[in-house]
PDB file of N, CA and C in Angstrom:
ATOM      1  N   MET A   1      22.795  -5.605 -22.057  1.00  0.00           N
ATOM      2  CA  MET A   1      21.500  -6.222 -22.191  1.00  0.00           C
ATOM      3  C   MET A   1      20.461  -5.328 -21.506  1.00  0.00           C
ATOM      4  N   PHE A   2      19.327  -5.151 -22.161  1.00  0.00           N
ATOM      5  CA  PHE A   2      18.259  -4.306 -21.652  1.00  0.00           C
ATOM      6  C   PHE A   2      17.058  -5.158 -21.245  1.00  0.00           C
ATOM      7  N   LEU A   3      16.325  -4.672 -20.264  1.00  0.00           N
ATOM      8  CA  LEU A   3      15.084  -5.338 -19.884  1.00  0.00           C
ATOM      9  C   LEU A   3      13.951  -4.949 -20.823  1.00  0.00           C
ATOM     10  N   SER A   4      14.002  -3.751 -21.359  1.00  0.00           N
ATOM     11  CA  SER A   4      12.975  -3.265 -22.277  1.00  0.00           C
ATOM     12  C   SER A   4      13.615  -2.442 -23.370  1.00  0.00           C
ATOM     13  N   ARG A   5      13.030  -2.518 -24.538  1.00  0.00           N
ATOM     14  CA  ARG A   5      13.440  -1.606 -25.600  1.00  0.00           C
ATOM     15  C   ARG A   5      12.897  -0.223 -25.263  1.00  0.00           C
ATOM     16  N   PRO A   6      13.559   0.834 -25.715  1.00  0.00           N
ATOM     17  CA  PRO A   6      13.114   2.193 -25.362  1.00  0.00           C
ATOM     18  C   PRO A   6      11.651   2.458 -25.688  1.00  0.00           C
ATOM     19  N   GLU A   7      11.145   1.898 -26.772  1.00  0.00           N
ATOM     20  CA  GLU A   7       9.743   2.145 -27.133  1.00  0.00           C
ATOM     21  C   GLU A   7       8.761   1.347 -26.265  1.00  0.00           C
ATOM     22  N   GLU A   8       9.251   0.372 -25.505  1.00  0.00           N
ATOM     23  CA  GLU A   8       8.387  -0.440 -24.638  1.00  0.00           C
ATOM     24  C   GLU A   8       8.447  -0.014 -23.170  1.00  0.00           C
ATOM     25  N   ARG A   9       9.328   0.911 -22.848  1.00  0.00           N
ATOM     26  CA  ARG A   9       9.529   1.269 -21.438  1.00  0.00           C
ATOM     27  C   ARG A   9       8.281   1.811 -20.776  1.00  0.00           C
ATOM     28  N   ALA A  10       7.552   2.681 -21.440  1.00  0.00           N
ATOM     29  CA  ALA A  10       6.344   3.269 -20.838  1.00  0.00           C
ATOM     30  C   ALA A  10       5.282   2.202 -20.588  1.00  0.00           C
ATOM     31  N   ALA A  11       5.075   1.322 -21.544  1.00  0.00           N
ATOM     32  CA  ALA A  11       4.074   0.268 -21.382  1.00  0.00           C
ATOM     33  C   ALA A  11       4.476  -0.698 -20.267  1.00  0.00           C
ATOM     34  N   ASN A  12       5.752  -1.048 -20.198  1.00  0.00           N
ATOM     35  CA  ASN A  12       6.221  -1.943 -19.142  1.00  0.00           C
ATOM     36  C   ASN A  12       6.140  -1.287 -17.769  1.00  0.00           C
ATOM     37  N   ALA A  13       6.455  -0.009 -17.690  1.00  0.00           N
ATOM     38  CA  ALA A  13       6.345   0.705 -16.417  1.00  0.00           C
ATOM     39  C   ALA A  13       4.893   0.754 -15.955  1.00  0.00           C
ATOM     40  N   THR A  14       3.973   0.936 -16.888  1.00  0.00           N
ATOM     41  CA  THR A  14       2.554   0.951 -16.543  1.00  0.00           C
ATOM     42  C   THR A  14       2.098  -0.407 -16.040  1.00  0.00           C
ATOM     43  N   GLN A  15       2.560  -1.484 -16.656  1.00  0.00           N
ATOM     44  CA  GLN A  15       2.204  -2.834 -16.202  1.00  0.00           C
ATOM     45  C   GLN A  15       2.768  -3.112 -14.817  1.00  0.00           C
ATOM     46  N   ILE A  16       3.987  -2.699 -14.573  1.00  0.00           N
ATOM     47  CA  ILE A  16       4.598  -2.895 -13.249  1.00  0.00           C
ATOM     48  C   ILE A  16       3.834  -2.101 -12.203  1.00  0.00           C
ATOM     49  N   LEU A  17       3.451  -0.873 -12.534  1.00  0.00           N
ATOM     50  CA  LEU A  17       2.675  -0.052 -11.602  1.00  0.00           C
ATOM     51  C   LEU A  17       1.330  -0.711 -11.289  1.00  0.00           C
ATOM     52  N   ASP A  18       0.671  -1.260 -12.308  1.00  0.00           N
ATOM     53  CA  ASP A  18      -0.599  -1.948 -12.072  1.00  0.00           C
ATOM     54  C   ASP A  18      -0.428  -3.118 -11.113  1.00  0.00           C
ATOM     55  N   LYS A  19       0.641  -3.879 -11.267  1.00  0.00           N
ATOM     56  CA  LYS A  19       0.906  -5.011 -10.368  1.00  0.00           C
ATOM     57  C   LYS A  19       1.183  -4.527  -8.948  1.00  0.00           C
ATOM     58  N   LEU A  20       1.954  -3.449  -8.816  1.00  0.00           N
ATOM     59  CA  LEU A  20       2.238  -2.904  -7.488  1.00  0.00           C
ATOM     60  C   LEU A  20       0.975  -2.388  -6.805  1.00  0.00           C
ATOM     61  N   ILE A  21       0.158  -1.683  -7.555  1.00  0.00           N
ATOM     62  CA  ILE A  21      -1.075  -1.166  -6.973  1.00  0.00           C
ATOM     63  C   ILE A  21      -1.959  -2.317  -6.532  1.00  0.00           C
ATOM     64  N   ASN A  22      -2.070  -3.340  -7.352  1.00  0.00           N
ATOM     65  CA  ASN A  22      -2.915  -4.474  -6.998  1.00  0.00           C
ATOM     66  C   ASN A  22      -2.386  -5.195  -5.771  1.00  0.00           C
ATOM     67  N   SER A  23      -1.092  -5.487  -5.742  1.00  0.00           N
ATOM     68  CA  SER A  23      -0.571  -6.292  -4.634  1.00  0.00           C
ATOM     69  C   SER A  23      -0.385  -5.482  -3.364  1.00  0.00           C
ATOM     70  N   LEU A  24       0.050  -4.234  -3.456  1.00  0.00           N
ATOM     71  CA  LEU A  24       0.301  -3.450  -2.256  1.00  0.00           C
ATOM     72  C   LEU A  24      -0.948  -2.779  -1.703  1.00  0.00           C
ATOM     73  N   LEU A  25      -1.708  -2.146  -2.549  1.00  0.00           N
ATOM     74  CA  LEU A  25      -2.858  -1.393  -2.044  1.00  0.00           C
ATOM     75  C   LEU A  25      -4.104  -2.264  -1.933  1.00  0.00           C
ATOM     76  N   THR A  26      -4.480  -2.875  -3.016  1.00  0.00           N
ATOM     77  CA  THR A  26      -5.730  -3.619  -3.024  1.00  0.00           C
ATOM     78  C   THR A  26      -5.681  -4.815  -2.094  1.00  0.00           C
ATOM     79  N   GLU A  27      -4.595  -5.570  -2.154  1.00  0.00           N
ATOM     80  CA  GLU A  27      -4.534  -6.783  -1.351  1.00  0.00           C
ATOM     81  C   GLU A  27      -3.935  -6.536   0.033  1.00  0.00           C
ATOM     82  N   HIS A  28      -2.766  -5.966   0.096  1.00  0.00           N
ATOM     83  CA  HIS A  28      -2.041  -5.874   1.367  1.00  0.00           C
ATOM     84  C   HIS A  28      -2.634  -4.828   2.312  1.00  0.00           C
ATOM     85  N   ALA A  29      -2.732  -3.608   1.865  1.00  0.00           N
ATOM     86  CA  ALA A  29      -3.217  -2.541   2.746  1.00  0.00           C
ATOM     87  C   ALA A  29      -4.689  -2.734   3.091  1.00  0.00           C
ATOM     88  N   ASP A  30      -5.503  -3.129   2.128  1.00  0.00           N
ATOM     89  CA  ASP A  30      -6.916  -3.362   2.392  1.00  0.00           C
ATOM     90  C   ASP A  30      -7.100  -4.508   3.386  1.00  0.00           C
ATOM     91  N   TYR A  31      -6.338  -5.565   3.219  1.00  0.00           N
ATOM     92  CA  TYR A  31      -6.398  -6.694   4.146  1.00  0.00           C
ATOM     93  C   TYR A  31      -5.947  -6.274   5.543  1.00  0.00           C
ATOM     94  N   ALA A  32      -4.916  -5.463   5.626  1.00  0.00           N
ATOM     95  CA  ALA A  32      -4.422  -5.004   6.929  1.00  0.00           C
ATOM     96  C   ALA A  32      -5.466  -4.164   7.646  1.00  0.00           C
ATOM     97  N   VAL A  33      -6.125  -3.276   6.919  1.00  0.00           N
ATOM     98  CA  VAL A  33      -7.156  -2.444   7.547  1.00  0.00           C
ATOM     99  C   VAL A  33      -8.334  -3.309   7.990  1.00  0.00           C
ATOM    100  N   GLU A  34      -8.713  -4.297   7.196  1.00  0.00           N
ATOM    101  CA  GLU A  34      -9.789  -5.211   7.594  1.00  0.00           C
ATOM    102  C   GLU A  34      -9.433  -5.942   8.884  1.00  0.00           C
ATOM    103  N   LEU A  35      -8.203  -6.439   8.973  1.00  0.00           N
ATOM    104  CA  LEU A  35      -7.774  -7.107  10.204  1.00  0.00           C
ATOM    105  C   LEU A  35      -7.734  -6.135  11.373  1.00  0.00           C
ATOM    106  N   GLY A  36      -7.301  -4.930  11.113  1.00  0.00           N
ATOM    107  CA  GLY A  36      -7.270  -3.920  12.169  1.00  0.00           C
ATOM    108  C   GLY A  36      -8.665  -3.598  12.688  1.00  0.00           C
ATOM    109  N   LEU A  37      -9.643  -3.552  11.791  1.00  0.00           N
ATOM    110  CA  LEU A  37     -11.022  -3.300  12.211  1.00  0.00           C
ATOM    111  C   LEU A  37     -11.562  -4.446  13.063  1.00  0.00           C
ATOM    112  N   GLN A  38     -11.177  -5.663  12.717  1.00  0.00           N
ATOM    113  CA  GLN A  38     -11.631  -6.815  13.492  1.00  0.00           C
ATOM    114  C   GLN A  38     -11.005  -6.835  14.882  1.00  0.00           C
ATOM    115  N   ALA A  39      -9.857  -6.207  15.030  1.00  0.00           N
ATOM    116  CA  ALA A  39      -9.161  -6.202  16.317  1.00  0.00           C
ATOM    117  C   ALA A  39      -9.630  -5.087  17.248  1.00  0.00           C
ATOM    118  N   VAL A  40     -10.528  -4.213  16.774  1.00  0.00           N
ATOM    119  CA  VAL A  40     -11.044  -3.156  17.634  1.00  0.00           C
ATOM    120  C   VAL A  40     -11.890  -3.813  18.721  1.00  0.00           C
ATOM    121  N   PRO A  41     -11.512  -3.613  19.972  1.00  0.00           N
ATOM    122  CA  PRO A  41     -12.218  -4.307  21.053  1.00  0.00           C
ATOM    123  C   PRO A  41     -13.577  -3.680  21.359  1.00  0.00           C
ATOM    124  N   VAL A  42     -14.443  -4.522  21.830  1.00  0.00           N
ATOM    125  CA  VAL A  42     -15.738  -4.057  22.314  1.00  0.00           C
ATOM    126  C   VAL A  42     -15.573  -3.843  23.812  1.00  0.00           C
ATOM    127  N   VAL A  43     -15.762  -2.622  24.254  1.00  0.00           N
ATOM    128  CA  VAL A  43     -15.553  -2.290  25.660  1.00  0.00           C
ATOM    129  C   VAL A  43     -16.819  -2.624  26.441  1.00  0.00           C
ATOM    130  N   GLU A  44     -16.700  -3.570  27.358  1.00  0.00           N
ATOM    131  CA  GLU A  44     -17.849  -3.961  28.182  1.00  0.00           C
ATOM    132  C   GLU A  44     -17.561  -3.740  29.658  1.00  0.00           C
ATOM    133  N   GLY A  45     -16.676  -2.919  29.946  1.00  0.00           N
ATOM    134  CA  GLY A  45     -16.320  -2.607  31.324  1.00  0.00           C
ATOM    135  C   GLY A  45     -15.065  -1.771  31.314  1.00  0.00           C
ATOM    136  N   ALA A  46     -14.896  -0.946  32.293  1.00  0.00           N
ATOM    137  CA  ALA A  46     -13.760  -0.030  32.308  1.00  0.00           C
ATOM    138  C   ALA A  46     -12.676  -0.514  33.267  1.00  0.00           C
ATOM    139  N   LYS A  47     -12.451  -1.834  33.319  1.00  0.00           N
ATOM    140  CA  LYS A  47     -11.428  -2.357  34.225  1.00  0.00           C
ATOM    141  C   LYS A  47     -10.020  -2.017  33.744  1.00  0.00           C
ATOM    142  N   SER A  48      -9.804  -2.155  32.481  1.00  0.00           N
ATOM    143  CA  SER A  48      -8.501  -1.801  31.916  1.00  0.00           C
ATOM    144  C   SER A  48      -8.728  -1.192  30.534  1.00  0.00           C
ATOM    145  N   PRO A  49      -7.878  -0.259  30.152  1.00  0.00           N
ATOM    146  CA  PRO A  49      -8.055   0.366  28.834  1.00  0.00           C
ATOM    147  C   PRO A  49      -7.767  -0.647  27.719  1.00  0.00           C
ATOM    148  N   PRO A  50      -8.542  -0.618  26.645  1.00  0.00           N
ATOM    149  CA  PRO A  50      -8.319  -1.565  25.555  1.00  0.00           C
ATOM    150  C   PRO A  50      -7.055  -1.216  24.779  1.00  0.00           C
ATOM    151  N   VAL A  51      -6.453  -2.242  24.216  1.00  0.00           N
ATOM    152  CA  VAL A  51      -5.288  -2.052  23.353  1.00  0.00           C
ATOM    153  C   VAL A  51      -5.816  -1.861  21.936  1.00  0.00           C
ATOM    154  N   LEU A  52      -5.472  -0.745  21.345  1.00  0.00           N
ATOM    155  CA  LEU A  52      -5.965  -0.432  20.008  1.00  0.00           C
ATOM    156  C   LEU A  52      -4.864  -0.659  18.976  1.00  0.00           C
ATOM    157  N   TYR A  53      -4.980  -1.754  18.251  1.00  0.00           N
ATOM    158  CA  TYR A  53      -4.036  -2.050  17.175  1.00  0.00           C
ATOM    159  C   TYR A  53      -4.447  -1.365  15.882  1.00  0.00           C
ATOM    160  N   PHE A  54      -5.702  -0.946  15.818  1.00  0.00           N
ATOM    161  CA  PHE A  54      -6.225  -0.384  14.578  1.00  0.00           C
ATOM    162  C   PHE A  54      -5.416   0.814  14.099  1.00  0.00           C
ATOM    163  N   PHE A  55      -5.079   1.724  15.005  1.00  0.00           N
ATOM    164  CA  PHE A  55      -4.345   2.930  14.592  1.00  0.00           C
ATOM    165  C   PHE A  55      -2.932   2.607  14.131  1.00  0.00           C
ATOM    166  N   THR A  56      -2.318   1.596  14.708  1.00  0.00           N
ATOM    167  CA  THR A  56      -0.997   1.146  14.250  1.00  0.00           C
ATOM    168  C   THR A  56      -1.094   0.576  12.841  1.00  0.00           C
ATOM    169  N   VAL A  57      -2.126  -0.213  12.597  1.00  0.00           N
ATOM    170  CA  VAL A  57      -2.328  -0.802  11.274  1.00  0.00           C
ATOM    171  C   VAL A  57      -2.585   0.276  10.236  1.00  0.00           C
ATOM    172  N   VAL A  58      -3.411   1.246  10.576  1.00  0.00           N
ATOM    173  CA  VAL A  58      -3.697   2.340   9.640  1.00  0.00           C
ATOM    174  C   VAL A  58      -2.431   3.142   9.357  1.00  0.00           C
ATOM    175  N   HIS A  59      -1.633   3.381  10.374  1.00  0.00           N
ATOM    176  CA  HIS A  59      -0.370   4.107  10.189  1.00  0.00           C
ATOM    177  C   HIS A  59       0.559   3.344   9.238  1.00  0.00           C
ATOM    178  N   GLN A  60       0.686   2.050   9.436  1.00  0.00           N
ATOM    179  CA  GLN A  60       1.557   1.256   8.567  1.00  0.00           C
ATOM    180  C   GLN A  60       1.009   1.184   7.147  1.00  0.00           C
ATOM    181  N   SER A  61      -0.298   1.071   7.005  1.00  0.00           N
ATOM    182  CA  SER A  61      -0.897   1.070   5.667  1.00  0.00           C
ATOM    183  C   SER A  61      -0.677   2.413   4.978  1.00  0.00           C
ATOM    184  N   ASN A  62      -0.739   3.494   5.742  1.00  0.00           N
ATOM    185  CA  ASN A  62      -0.471   4.821   5.201  1.00  0.00           C
ATOM    186  C   ASN A  62       0.984   4.932   4.736  1.00  0.00           C
ATOM    187  N   ASN A  63       1.900   4.361   5.500  1.00  0.00           N
ATOM    188  CA  ASN A  63       3.312   4.357   5.091  1.00  0.00           C
ATOM    189  C   ASN A  63       3.500   3.617   3.778  1.00  0.00           C
ATOM    190  N   ILE A  64       2.816   2.488   3.610  1.00  0.00           N
ATOM    191  CA  ILE A  64       2.907   1.737   2.362  1.00  0.00           C
ATOM    192  C   ILE A  64       2.403   2.582   1.200  1.00  0.00           C
ATOM    193  N   THR A  65       1.299   3.278   1.418  1.00  0.00           N
ATOM    194  CA  THR A  65       0.736   4.121   0.369  1.00  0.00           C
ATOM    195  C   THR A  65       1.695   5.252  -0.002  1.00  0.00           C
ATOM    196  N   HIS A  66       2.327   5.867   0.977  1.00  0.00           N
ATOM    197  CA  HIS A  66       3.292   6.936   0.690  1.00  0.00           C
ATOM    198  C   HIS A  66       4.522   6.404  -0.040  1.00  0.00           C
ATOM    199  N   LEU A  67       4.988   5.224   0.324  1.00  0.00           N
ATOM    200  CA  LEU A  67       6.122   4.633  -0.391  1.00  0.00           C
ATOM    201  C   LEU A  67       5.762   4.332  -1.839  1.00  0.00           C
ATOM    202  N   LEU A  68       4.560   3.835  -2.066  1.00  0.00           N
ATOM    203  CA  LEU A  68       4.123   3.580  -3.436  1.00  0.00           C
ATOM    204  C   LEU A  68       4.010   4.878  -4.226  1.00  0.00           C
ATOM    205  N   GLU A  69       3.503   5.920  -3.591  1.00  0.00           N
ATOM    206  CA  GLU A  69       3.417   7.219  -4.260  1.00  0.00           C
ATOM    207  C   GLU A  69       4.805   7.745  -4.626  1.00  0.00           C
ATOM    208  N   LYS A  70       5.765   7.577  -3.724  1.00  0.00           N
ATOM    209  CA  LYS A  70       7.132   8.025  -3.999  1.00  0.00           C
ATOM    210  C   LYS A  70       7.735   7.243  -5.164  1.00  0.00           C
ATOM    211  N   GLN A  71       7.528   5.926  -5.172  1.00  0.00           N
ATOM    212  CA  GLN A  71       8.015   5.110  -6.290  1.00  0.00           C
ATOM    213  C   GLN A  71       7.380   5.570  -7.600  1.00  0.00           C
ATOM    214  N   PHE A  72       6.103   5.870  -7.547  1.00  0.00           N
ATOM    215  CA  PHE A  72       5.397   6.313  -8.747  1.00  0.00           C
ATOM    216  C   PHE A  72       5.979   7.611  -9.276  1.00  0.00           C
ATOM    217  N   THR A  73       6.120   8.609  -8.390  1.00  0.00           N
ATOM    218  CA  THR A  73       6.597   9.911  -8.860  1.00  0.00           C
ATOM    219  C   THR A  73       8.075   9.879  -9.250  1.00  0.00           C
ATOM    220  N   ASP A  74       8.868   9.065  -8.565  1.00  0.00           N
ATOM    221  CA  ASP A  74      10.303   9.021  -8.864  1.00  0.00           C
ATOM    222  C   ASP A  74      10.643   8.157 -10.080  1.00  0.00           C
ATOM    223  N   LEU A  75       9.907   7.072 -10.279  1.00  0.00           N
ATOM    224  CA  LEU A  75      10.299   6.113 -11.306  1.00  0.00           C
ATOM    225  C   LEU A  75       9.330   6.013 -12.478  1.00  0.00           C
ATOM    226  N   VAL A  76       8.054   5.959 -12.203  1.00  0.00           N
ATOM    227  CA  VAL A  76       7.098   5.705 -13.286  1.00  0.00           C
ATOM    228  C   VAL A  76       6.824   6.955 -14.105  1.00  0.00           C
ATOM    229  N   VAL A  77       6.592   8.085 -13.459  1.00  0.00           N
ATOM    230  CA  VAL A  77       6.273   9.310 -14.190  1.00  0.00           C
ATOM    231  C   VAL A  77       7.350   9.679 -15.201  1.00  0.00           C
ATOM    232  N   PRO A  78       8.641   9.644 -14.836  1.00  0.00           N
ATOM    233  CA  PRO A  78       9.661   9.972 -15.849  1.00  0.00           C
ATOM    234  C   PRO A  78       9.669   8.997 -17.031  1.00  0.00           C
ATOM    235  N   LEU A  79       9.349   7.718 -16.775  1.00  0.00           N
ATOM    236  CA  LEU A  79       9.336   6.751 -17.883  1.00  0.00           C
ATOM    237  C   LEU A  79       8.149   6.971 -18.813  1.00  0.00           C
ATOM    238  N   VAL A  80       7.023   7.326 -18.244  1.00  0.00           N
ATOM    239  CA  VAL A  80       5.821   7.496 -19.062  1.00  0.00           C
ATOM    240  C   VAL A  80       5.877   8.812 -19.847  1.00  0.00           C
ATOM    241  N   MET A  81       6.501   9.827 -19.241  1.00  0.00           N
ATOM    242  CA  MET A  81       6.595  11.118 -19.940  1.00  0.00           C
ATOM    243  C   MET A  81       7.558  10.959 -21.086  1.00  0.00           C
TER     244      MET A  81
END
């Protein structure tokens, strides 16, 4: 049993990629960076150094983007070609 007929594989791969881009990049990574920006502290005194979560969030969002790029080059490009 097949999930797609050979002539539909490229179109289905493109639809799956669109869903991944929307859910991972547009919604998840963008939301994470927005939350990270809100967590940047306003320094009003030098009593203790602020904890910066923003760079951790950006690093994790970057990892998500690289994983999506790897999935794209490994799986989608061969199907579309």
